[in-house]
Structure formats: C-alpha cells, structure tokens
Amino acid sequence: MNKLFLALTFIFIGLTVQSQETTKNALGIRLGNNDGIGFEISYQRALGTKQRLEADLGWRTGDSYDSYQLTGLYQWVWPIINKLNWFVGAGGGFGSRDYKQTDQQSGDNDVFVFIAGDVGIEYNFNIPLVISLDFRPAYGSNDYDAYDFGFGFRYKF
C-alpha cells in the first residue's frame, strides 16, 4: 500500500510540474490603449527561471498634450500549458506631460511619478517571438492614473 501511494505521488508530481520557458532576453514593442501611454519600446531580462525585469520607454503625442514615461517592473512568471505562461508584476516609474496651448489649457508642463501593477499572459513561439496581453493599472502624482491594456510583440534572444 505504501509503495503504491509513493508511486502515485511521484507520478502526480511528474504530471503537474511543467518546465518553465522564461526567455533570457526579449526586446520589442508594447501597444497600449489610450488610457495609458500608448506606444512603448519594451525590454525584458530574466533573473532566473520564474522572475524577470521589464523596462518600458513610452511616448505619446496627442491633441491636448505630449507625454513620455519610463516604467520598470519586477515580474513573476508561471506556466499554464506548454508555451503559454501567465505573469504578475509590480513596479513604478516617472514621466512628463507637455500640455499644448489651447483655450482650456495654459500650456504648462508637469512631471509625475507612479506605482504600477501588471498581470497578463504570454505565448512563446518556436521562432524567436513572444506575444503578450496584459493589464497595467498605475497610480501617481499630478493626477496620473491609468488603467492600461497592452499587447506586446518581442524578439527573444
């Protein structure tokens, strides 16, 4: 009975443990919705098998203001199935907004700092491509609040 229990336990552990395929480096773009910054250049660097750092530099030009921001996130990555992973992260950053002179705006500039969270899924293709979909809420100074959904395309190396 004990041998059967031990054998079933090892089989169960073997079936539930999945190999992690965290990419060592990935460079690409993240396209966010209008509530966030929008277009970002994105870099990810693995810190082990389940953690990584992500740095994003984004900018946006609009009718009422131009903006840029730098975001840094620490992320934890777990497998779902085969090459599909999910991740969560936390971090923050800073940025600047340059308001354009209009009847409603005075043309002022402001600088903001923020904290951000991140949750999403990603798929690692057999070719050097990772695609991702994530949600990134951010809260900061100078009325900076964003609830950003983003779609990422990154070259892995």
N, C-alpha and C. Protein backbone atom coordinates (compact mmCIF):
# COMPACT_ATOMS: atom_id res chain seq x y z
N MET A 1 0.82 -1.20 0.00
CA MET A 1 0.00 0.00 0.00
C MET A 1 0.86 1.26 0.00
N ASN A 2 1.91 1.27 0.87
CA ASN A 2 2.80 2.44 0.92
C ASN A 2 3.54 2.63 -0.39
N LYS A 3 3.96 1.52 -1.03
CA LYS A 3 4.68 1.62 -2.30
C LYS A 3 3.76 2.17 -3.39
N LEU A 4 2.50 1.74 -3.38
CA LEU A 4 1.54 2.25 -4.36
C LEU A 4 1.30 3.74 -4.14
N PHE A 5 1.15 4.15 -2.90
CA PHE A 5 0.95 5.56 -2.56
C PHE A 5 2.15 6.39 -3.01
N LEU A 6 3.35 5.90 -2.73
CA LEU A 6 4.56 6.61 -3.14
C LEU A 6 4.66 6.71 -4.66
N ALA A 7 4.35 5.63 -5.36
CA ALA A 7 4.41 5.64 -6.82
C ALA A 7 3.40 6.62 -7.40
N LEU A 8 2.18 6.63 -6.87
CA LEU A 8 1.16 7.57 -7.35
C LEU A 8 1.54 9.02 -7.05
N THR A 9 2.16 9.24 -5.90
CA THR A 9 2.61 10.58 -5.54
C THR A 9 3.66 11.08 -6.53
N PHE A 10 4.65 10.24 -6.86
CA PHE A 10 5.68 10.66 -7.82
C PHE A 10 5.11 10.86 -9.22
N ILE A 11 4.14 10.04 -9.61
CA ILE A 11 3.51 10.21 -10.92
C ILE A 11 2.74 11.53 -10.95
N PHE A 12 1.99 11.82 -9.87
CA PHE A 12 1.24 13.07 -9.78
C PHE A 12 2.16 14.28 -9.85
N ILE A 13 3.26 14.24 -9.10
CA ILE A 13 4.23 15.35 -9.12
C ILE A 13 4.82 15.51 -10.52
N GLY A 14 5.15 14.41 -11.17
CA GLY A 14 5.70 14.46 -12.52
C GLY A 14 4.74 15.03 -13.54
N LEU A 15 3.44 14.76 -13.36
CA LEU A 15 2.45 15.29 -14.30
C LEU A 15 2.13 16.75 -14.06
N THR A 16 2.24 17.21 -12.82
CA THR A 16 1.87 18.59 -12.52
C THR A 16 3.02 19.56 -12.66
N VAL A 17 4.25 19.12 -12.56
CA VAL A 17 5.40 20.01 -12.73
C VAL A 17 5.65 20.19 -14.21
N GLN A 18 5.67 21.43 -14.64
CA GLN A 18 5.90 21.73 -16.04
C GLN A 18 7.18 22.53 -16.16
N SER A 19 7.86 22.34 -17.27
CA SER A 19 9.09 23.09 -17.47
C SER A 19 8.76 24.55 -17.75
N GLN A 20 9.56 25.43 -17.22
CA GLN A 20 9.36 26.85 -17.42
C GLN A 20 10.21 27.31 -18.59
N GLU A 21 9.63 28.09 -19.46
CA GLU A 21 10.35 28.60 -20.62
C GLU A 21 10.40 30.12 -20.55
N THR A 22 11.13 30.63 -19.57
CA THR A 22 11.30 32.07 -19.47
C THR A 22 12.42 32.47 -20.41
N THR A 23 12.15 33.43 -21.25
CA THR A 23 13.13 33.91 -22.21
C THR A 23 14.19 34.73 -21.49
N LYS A 24 15.48 34.48 -21.83
CA LYS A 24 16.56 35.20 -21.16
C LYS A 24 16.50 36.70 -21.46
N ASN A 25 16.31 37.07 -22.72
CA ASN A 25 16.18 38.47 -23.13
C ASN A 25 15.07 38.57 -24.17
N ALA A 26 14.34 39.66 -24.14
CA ALA A 26 13.32 39.92 -25.15
C ALA A 26 13.23 41.44 -25.36
N LEU A 27 13.21 41.83 -26.62
CA LEU A 27 13.16 43.25 -26.99
C LEU A 27 12.06 43.44 -28.02
N GLY A 28 11.21 44.44 -27.82
CA GLY A 28 10.14 44.66 -28.78
C GLY A 28 9.31 45.88 -28.46
N ILE A 29 8.03 45.78 -28.75
CA ILE A 29 7.11 46.89 -28.53
C ILE A 29 5.92 46.41 -27.71
N ARG A 30 5.32 47.37 -27.01
CA ARG A 30 4.07 47.15 -26.29
C ARG A 30 3.12 48.25 -26.73
N LEU A 31 1.97 47.84 -27.24
CA LEU A 31 0.97 48.78 -27.71
C LEU A 31 -0.16 48.83 -26.70
N GLY A 32 -0.31 49.96 -26.03
CA GLY A 32 -1.33 50.12 -25.01
C GLY A 32 -2.53 50.88 -25.54
N ASN A 33 -3.57 50.89 -24.71
CA ASN A 33 -4.76 51.64 -25.11
C ASN A 33 -4.59 53.11 -24.74
N ASN A 34 -5.55 53.92 -25.04
CA ASN A 34 -5.41 55.37 -24.85
C ASN A 34 -5.43 55.80 -23.40
N ASP A 35 -5.79 54.93 -22.47
CA ASP A 35 -5.78 55.33 -21.07
C ASP A 35 -4.34 55.38 -20.53
N GLY A 36 -3.44 54.65 -21.15
CA GLY A 36 -2.04 54.67 -20.74
C GLY A 36 -1.23 55.51 -21.70
N ILE A 37 0.04 55.19 -21.82
CA ILE A 37 0.93 56.00 -22.65
C ILE A 37 0.76 55.67 -24.13
N GLY A 38 0.36 54.44 -24.45
CA GLY A 38 0.20 54.08 -25.86
C GLY A 38 1.33 53.21 -26.34
N PHE A 39 2.26 53.76 -27.14
CA PHE A 39 3.36 53.02 -27.74
C PHE A 39 4.57 53.01 -26.81
N GLU A 40 5.16 51.82 -26.60
CA GLU A 40 6.34 51.68 -25.74
C GLU A 40 7.35 50.75 -26.38
N ILE A 41 8.62 51.06 -26.21
CA ILE A 41 9.70 50.12 -26.51
C ILE A 41 9.93 49.34 -25.23
N SER A 42 9.97 48.01 -25.35
CA SER A 42 9.96 47.15 -24.17
C SER A 42 11.16 46.19 -24.18
N TYR A 43 11.80 46.04 -23.02
CA TYR A 43 12.90 45.10 -22.85
C TYR A 43 12.64 44.26 -21.60
N GLN A 44 12.84 42.94 -21.73
CA GLN A 44 12.70 42.02 -20.59
C GLN A 44 14.01 41.27 -20.40
N ARG A 45 14.39 41.08 -19.14
CA ARG A 45 15.61 40.35 -18.78
C ARG A 45 15.28 39.36 -17.67
N ALA A 46 15.54 38.08 -17.93
CA ALA A 46 15.27 37.03 -16.94
C ALA A 46 16.24 37.14 -15.77
N LEU A 47 15.72 36.90 -14.58
CA LEU A 47 16.54 36.87 -13.36
C LEU A 47 16.61 35.48 -12.77
N GLY A 48 16.16 34.51 -13.47
CA GLY A 48 16.10 33.13 -13.02
C GLY A 48 15.06 32.42 -13.86
N THR A 49 14.50 31.35 -13.32
CA THR A 49 13.51 30.61 -14.10
C THR A 49 12.11 31.16 -13.96
N LYS A 50 11.84 31.94 -12.91
CA LYS A 50 10.48 32.42 -12.69
C LYS A 50 10.37 33.92 -12.44
N GLN A 51 11.46 34.65 -12.51
CA GLN A 51 11.41 36.10 -12.31
C GLN A 51 12.12 36.81 -13.46
N ARG A 52 11.69 38.05 -13.69
CA ARG A 52 12.34 38.87 -14.71
C ARG A 52 12.09 40.35 -14.42
N LEU A 53 12.88 41.18 -15.06
CA LEU A 53 12.68 42.62 -15.03
C LEU A 53 12.17 43.06 -16.39
N GLU A 54 11.29 44.04 -16.38
CA GLU A 54 10.82 44.63 -17.63
C GLU A 54 10.98 46.14 -17.54
N ALA A 55 11.53 46.73 -18.59
CA ALA A 55 11.69 48.19 -18.68
C ALA A 55 11.01 48.64 -19.97
N ASP A 56 10.16 49.66 -19.85
CA ASP A 56 9.43 50.18 -21.00
C ASP A 56 9.62 51.69 -21.10
N LEU A 57 9.95 52.15 -22.29
CA LEU A 57 10.05 53.58 -22.57
C LEU A 57 8.95 53.92 -23.56
N GLY A 58 8.02 54.77 -23.12
CA GLY A 58 6.88 55.09 -23.98
C GLY A 58 6.74 56.57 -24.21
N TRP A 59 6.11 56.91 -25.32
CA TRP A 59 5.81 58.31 -25.62
C TRP A 59 4.49 58.37 -26.36
N ARG A 60 3.90 59.55 -26.31
CA ARG A 60 2.59 59.74 -26.91
C ARG A 60 2.45 61.20 -27.32
N THR A 61 1.91 61.41 -28.50
CA THR A 61 1.58 62.76 -28.93
C THR A 61 0.07 62.80 -29.14
N GLY A 62 -0.55 63.84 -28.65
CA GLY A 62 -2.00 63.96 -28.76
C GLY A 62 -2.42 65.38 -29.04
N ASP A 63 -3.71 65.57 -29.11
CA ASP A 63 -4.25 66.90 -29.37
C ASP A 63 -4.04 67.85 -28.20
N SER A 64 -4.13 67.32 -26.97
CA SER A 64 -4.04 68.20 -25.81
C SER A 64 -2.67 68.18 -25.13
N TYR A 65 -1.90 67.10 -25.26
CA TYR A 65 -0.58 67.06 -24.64
C TYR A 65 0.32 66.02 -25.29
N ASP A 66 1.61 66.19 -25.11
CA ASP A 66 2.62 65.20 -25.47
C ASP A 66 3.17 64.65 -24.16
N SER A 67 3.53 63.36 -24.16
CA SER A 67 3.95 62.74 -22.91
C SER A 67 5.01 61.67 -23.19
N TYR A 68 5.85 61.44 -22.19
CA TYR A 68 6.74 60.29 -22.21
C TYR A 68 6.77 59.71 -20.80
N GLN A 69 7.14 58.43 -20.71
CA GLN A 69 7.30 57.81 -19.40
C GLN A 69 8.25 56.63 -19.49
N LEU A 70 8.90 56.36 -18.37
CA LEU A 70 9.77 55.21 -18.21
C LEU A 70 9.19 54.35 -17.09
N THR A 71 8.95 53.08 -17.39
CA THR A 71 8.34 52.15 -16.44
C THR A 71 9.29 51.00 -16.19
N GLY A 72 9.43 50.60 -14.93
CA GLY A 72 10.21 49.43 -14.54
C GLY A 72 9.34 48.50 -13.72
N LEU A 73 9.35 47.20 -14.07
CA LEU A 73 8.52 46.22 -13.38
C LEU A 73 9.34 44.99 -13.02
N TYR A 74 9.06 44.44 -11.84
CA TYR A 74 9.59 43.13 -11.44
C TYR A 74 8.45 42.15 -11.62
N GLN A 75 8.67 41.06 -12.39
CA GLN A 75 7.59 40.14 -12.71
C GLN A 75 7.92 38.71 -12.29
N TRP A 76 6.86 37.98 -11.92
CA TRP A 76 6.93 36.55 -11.64
C TRP A 76 6.17 35.85 -12.75
N VAL A 77 6.74 34.76 -13.29
CA VAL A 77 6.18 34.06 -14.44
C VAL A 77 5.92 32.60 -14.08
N TRP A 78 4.71 32.10 -14.44
CA TRP A 78 4.35 30.69 -14.21
C TRP A 78 3.75 30.10 -15.47
N PRO A 79 4.02 28.82 -15.72
CA PRO A 79 3.45 28.18 -16.91
C PRO A 79 1.97 27.84 -16.72
N ILE A 80 1.22 27.93 -17.81
CA ILE A 80 -0.16 27.45 -17.84
C ILE A 80 -0.16 26.09 -18.54
N ILE A 81 0.18 26.10 -19.82
CA ILE A 81 0.37 24.88 -20.60
C ILE A 81 1.47 25.13 -21.62
N ASN A 82 2.24 24.11 -21.90
CA ASN A 82 3.29 24.11 -22.92
C ASN A 82 4.02 25.45 -23.01
N LYS A 83 3.75 26.29 -23.96
CA LYS A 83 4.48 27.56 -24.16
C LYS A 83 3.67 28.78 -23.72
N LEU A 84 2.53 28.55 -23.08
CA LEU A 84 1.67 29.63 -22.60
C LEU A 84 1.94 29.86 -21.12
N ASN A 85 2.29 31.10 -20.77
CA ASN A 85 2.60 31.48 -19.38
C ASN A 85 1.68 32.60 -18.93
N TRP A 86 1.58 32.77 -17.62
CA TRP A 86 0.92 33.95 -17.06
C TRP A 86 1.92 34.61 -16.13
N PHE A 87 1.73 35.90 -15.89
CA PHE A 87 2.68 36.64 -15.08
C PHE A 87 1.98 37.73 -14.30
N VAL A 88 2.59 38.09 -13.18
CA VAL A 88 2.16 39.25 -12.38
C VAL A 88 3.41 40.04 -12.05
N GLY A 89 3.24 41.33 -11.82
CA GLY A 89 4.39 42.16 -11.51
C GLY A 89 4.00 43.43 -10.79
N ALA A 90 5.03 44.09 -10.28
CA ALA A 90 4.85 45.37 -9.60
C ALA A 90 6.07 46.23 -9.87
N GLY A 91 5.85 47.54 -9.84
CA GLY A 91 6.96 48.45 -10.08
C GLY A 91 6.47 49.88 -10.09
N GLY A 92 7.11 50.67 -10.92
CA GLY A 92 6.75 52.08 -10.99
C GLY A 92 7.56 52.78 -12.05
N GLY A 93 7.51 54.10 -12.00
CA GLY A 93 8.26 54.87 -12.97
C GLY A 93 8.01 56.35 -12.83
N PHE A 94 8.40 57.08 -13.86
CA PHE A 94 8.22 58.52 -13.89
C PHE A 94 7.99 58.96 -15.33
N GLY A 95 7.49 60.18 -15.48
CA GLY A 95 7.24 60.69 -16.82
C GLY A 95 6.98 62.18 -16.80
N SER A 96 6.64 62.69 -17.95
CA SER A 96 6.39 64.12 -18.11
C SER A 96 5.27 64.32 -19.11
N ARG A 97 4.46 65.35 -18.88
CA ARG A 97 3.42 65.76 -19.82
C ARG A 97 3.66 67.22 -20.20
N ASP A 98 3.57 67.49 -21.48
CA ASP A 98 3.71 68.84 -22.02
C ASP A 98 2.37 69.22 -22.64
N TYR A 99 1.59 70.03 -21.89
CA TYR A 99 0.27 70.43 -22.37
C TYR A 99 0.39 71.48 -23.47
N LYS A 100 -0.41 71.31 -24.48
CA LYS A 100 -0.40 72.26 -25.60
C LYS A 100 -1.28 73.46 -25.26
N GLN A 101 -0.89 74.59 -25.77
CA GLN A 101 -1.63 75.84 -25.52
C GLN A 101 -2.98 75.78 -26.25
N THR A 102 -4.06 75.81 -25.48
CA THR A 102 -5.42 75.85 -26.04
C THR A 102 -6.24 76.83 -25.22
N ASP A 103 -7.51 76.94 -25.57
CA ASP A 103 -8.40 77.81 -24.79
C ASP A 103 -8.61 77.25 -23.38
N GLN A 104 -8.56 75.90 -23.23
CA GLN A 104 -8.79 75.28 -21.93
C GLN A 104 -7.50 75.03 -21.15
N GLN A 105 -6.37 74.94 -21.82
CA GLN A 105 -5.10 74.64 -21.17
C GLN A 105 -4.14 75.82 -21.30
N SER A 106 -3.28 75.95 -20.31
CA SER A 106 -2.35 77.08 -20.30
C SER A 106 -1.02 76.76 -20.97
N GLY A 107 -0.80 75.53 -21.40
CA GLY A 107 0.47 75.17 -22.00
C GLY A 107 1.53 74.79 -20.98
N ASP A 108 1.12 74.41 -19.78
CA ASP A 108 2.07 74.03 -18.72
C ASP A 108 2.64 72.64 -18.94
N ASN A 109 3.70 72.37 -18.19
CA ASN A 109 4.32 71.04 -18.17
C ASN A 109 4.19 70.49 -16.76
N ASP A 110 4.15 69.17 -16.64
CA ASP A 110 4.25 68.58 -15.31
C ASP A 110 5.02 67.27 -15.38
N VAL A 111 5.60 66.93 -14.26
CA VAL A 111 6.36 65.69 -14.09
C VAL A 111 5.58 64.85 -13.09
N PHE A 112 5.54 63.54 -13.31
CA PHE A 112 4.81 62.66 -12.41
C PHE A 112 5.63 61.41 -12.11
N VAL A 113 5.39 60.84 -10.96
CA VAL A 113 5.92 59.54 -10.57
C VAL A 113 4.73 58.65 -10.29
N PHE A 114 4.89 57.34 -10.46
CA PHE A 114 3.76 56.45 -10.28
C PHE A 114 4.21 55.06 -9.83
N ILE A 115 3.27 54.32 -9.25
CA ILE A 115 3.45 52.90 -8.96
C ILE A 115 2.52 52.16 -9.91
N ALA A 116 2.90 50.94 -10.26
CA ALA A 116 2.12 50.18 -11.24
C ALA A 116 2.11 48.71 -10.88
N GLY A 117 1.05 48.05 -11.26
CA GLY A 117 0.95 46.60 -11.19
C GLY A 117 0.84 46.06 -12.59
N ASP A 118 0.93 44.76 -12.74
CA ASP A 118 0.88 44.15 -14.07
C ASP A 118 0.41 42.72 -13.93
N VAL A 119 -0.52 42.30 -14.77
CA VAL A 119 -0.95 40.91 -14.84
C VAL A 119 -1.25 40.60 -16.29
N GLY A 120 -0.83 39.41 -16.76
CA GLY A 120 -1.06 39.09 -18.16
C GLY A 120 -0.71 37.67 -18.52
N ILE A 121 -0.85 37.38 -19.81
CA ILE A 121 -0.48 36.09 -20.37
C ILE A 121 0.46 36.33 -21.54
N GLU A 122 1.27 35.30 -21.83
CA GLU A 122 2.20 35.40 -22.97
C GLU A 122 2.34 34.03 -23.61
N TYR A 123 2.69 34.05 -24.90
CA TYR A 123 2.93 32.81 -25.62
C TYR A 123 4.30 32.90 -26.27
N ASN A 124 5.13 31.87 -26.02
CA ASN A 124 6.48 31.78 -26.59
C ASN A 124 6.42 30.85 -27.81
N PHE A 125 6.57 31.40 -28.99
CA PHE A 125 6.57 30.60 -30.21
C PHE A 125 7.89 29.85 -30.35
N ASN A 126 7.92 28.85 -31.27
CA ASN A 126 9.16 28.14 -31.57
C ASN A 126 10.15 29.03 -32.30
N ILE A 127 9.65 30.03 -32.99
CA ILE A 127 10.52 31.04 -33.61
C ILE A 127 10.84 32.07 -32.52
N PRO A 128 11.80 32.96 -32.72
CA PRO A 128 12.16 33.91 -31.66
C PRO A 128 11.14 35.04 -31.48
N LEU A 129 9.91 34.68 -31.11
CA LEU A 129 8.85 35.65 -30.94
C LEU A 129 8.03 35.31 -29.69
N VAL A 130 7.76 36.34 -28.89
CA VAL A 130 6.87 36.23 -27.74
C VAL A 130 5.78 37.27 -27.92
N ILE A 131 4.51 36.85 -27.79
CA ILE A 131 3.42 37.82 -27.80
C ILE A 131 2.77 37.81 -26.42
N SER A 132 2.23 38.95 -26.01
CA SER A 132 1.64 39.04 -24.68
C SER A 132 0.44 39.97 -24.69
N LEU A 133 -0.43 39.75 -23.72
CA LEU A 133 -1.57 40.61 -23.45
C LEU A 133 -1.59 40.85 -21.96
N ASP A 134 -1.61 42.12 -21.54
CA ASP A 134 -1.55 42.40 -20.10
C ASP A 134 -2.43 43.58 -19.72
N PHE A 135 -2.68 43.68 -18.43
CA PHE A 135 -3.41 44.79 -17.83
C PHE A 135 -2.47 45.45 -16.82
N ARG A 136 -2.30 46.77 -16.93
CA ARG A 136 -1.36 47.50 -16.08
C ARG A 136 -2.02 48.74 -15.48
N PRO A 137 -2.55 48.63 -14.27
CA PRO A 137 -3.05 49.84 -13.59
C PRO A 137 -1.88 50.61 -12.98
N ALA A 138 -1.97 51.94 -13.01
CA ALA A 138 -0.91 52.79 -12.45
C ALA A 138 -1.56 53.97 -11.74
N TYR A 139 -0.96 54.35 -10.61
CA TYR A 139 -1.46 55.46 -9.80
C TYR A 139 -0.28 56.34 -9.44
N GLY A 140 -0.45 57.66 -9.63
CA GLY A 140 0.69 58.52 -9.36
C GLY A 140 0.34 59.94 -9.01
N SER A 141 1.38 60.74 -8.97
CA SER A 141 1.26 62.15 -8.63
C SER A 141 0.70 62.95 -9.80
N ASN A 142 0.30 64.19 -9.53
CA ASN A 142 -0.21 65.12 -10.54
C ASN A 142 -1.35 64.53 -11.37
N ASP A 143 -2.27 63.88 -10.68
CA ASP A 143 -3.47 63.30 -11.32
C ASP A 143 -3.14 62.25 -12.38
N TYR A 144 -2.05 61.52 -12.21
CA TYR A 144 -1.73 60.46 -13.16
C TYR A 144 -2.34 59.15 -12.67
N ASP A 145 -3.38 58.71 -13.32
CA ASP A 145 -3.99 57.40 -13.09
C ASP A 145 -4.23 56.78 -14.45
N ALA A 146 -3.86 55.51 -14.62
CA ALA A 146 -4.06 54.85 -15.90
C ALA A 146 -4.48 53.40 -15.66
N TYR A 147 -5.39 52.93 -16.49
CA TYR A 147 -5.83 51.54 -16.48
C TYR A 147 -5.59 51.03 -17.89
N ASP A 148 -4.39 50.54 -18.13
CA ASP A 148 -3.89 50.30 -19.47
C ASP A 148 -3.89 48.81 -19.82
N PHE A 149 -4.50 48.47 -20.95
CA PHE A 149 -4.37 47.14 -21.53
C PHE A 149 -3.34 47.23 -22.64
N GLY A 150 -2.42 46.26 -22.70
CA GLY A 150 -1.38 46.32 -23.71
C GLY A 150 -1.18 45.00 -24.42
N PHE A 151 -0.75 45.09 -25.66
CA PHE A 151 -0.45 43.93 -26.49
C PHE A 151 1.02 44.05 -26.88
N GLY A 152 1.84 43.04 -26.55
CA GLY A 152 3.27 43.11 -26.80
C GLY A 152 3.76 42.13 -27.85
N PHE A 153 4.74 42.57 -28.62
CA PHE A 153 5.46 41.74 -29.58
C PHE A 153 6.94 41.90 -29.26
N ARG A 154 7.61 40.80 -28.89
CA ARG A 154 9.02 40.90 -28.52
C ARG A 154 9.84 39.81 -29.22
N TYR A 155 11.03 40.21 -29.65
CA TYR A 155 12.01 39.29 -30.23
C TYR A 155 12.81 38.71 -29.07
N LYS A 156 12.84 37.39 -28.95
CA LYS A 156 13.57 36.77 -27.83
C LYS A 156 14.95 36.30 -28.29
N PHE A 157 15.92 36.52 -27.40
CA PHE A 157 17.30 36.10 -27.69
C PHE A 157 18.01 35.73 -26.41
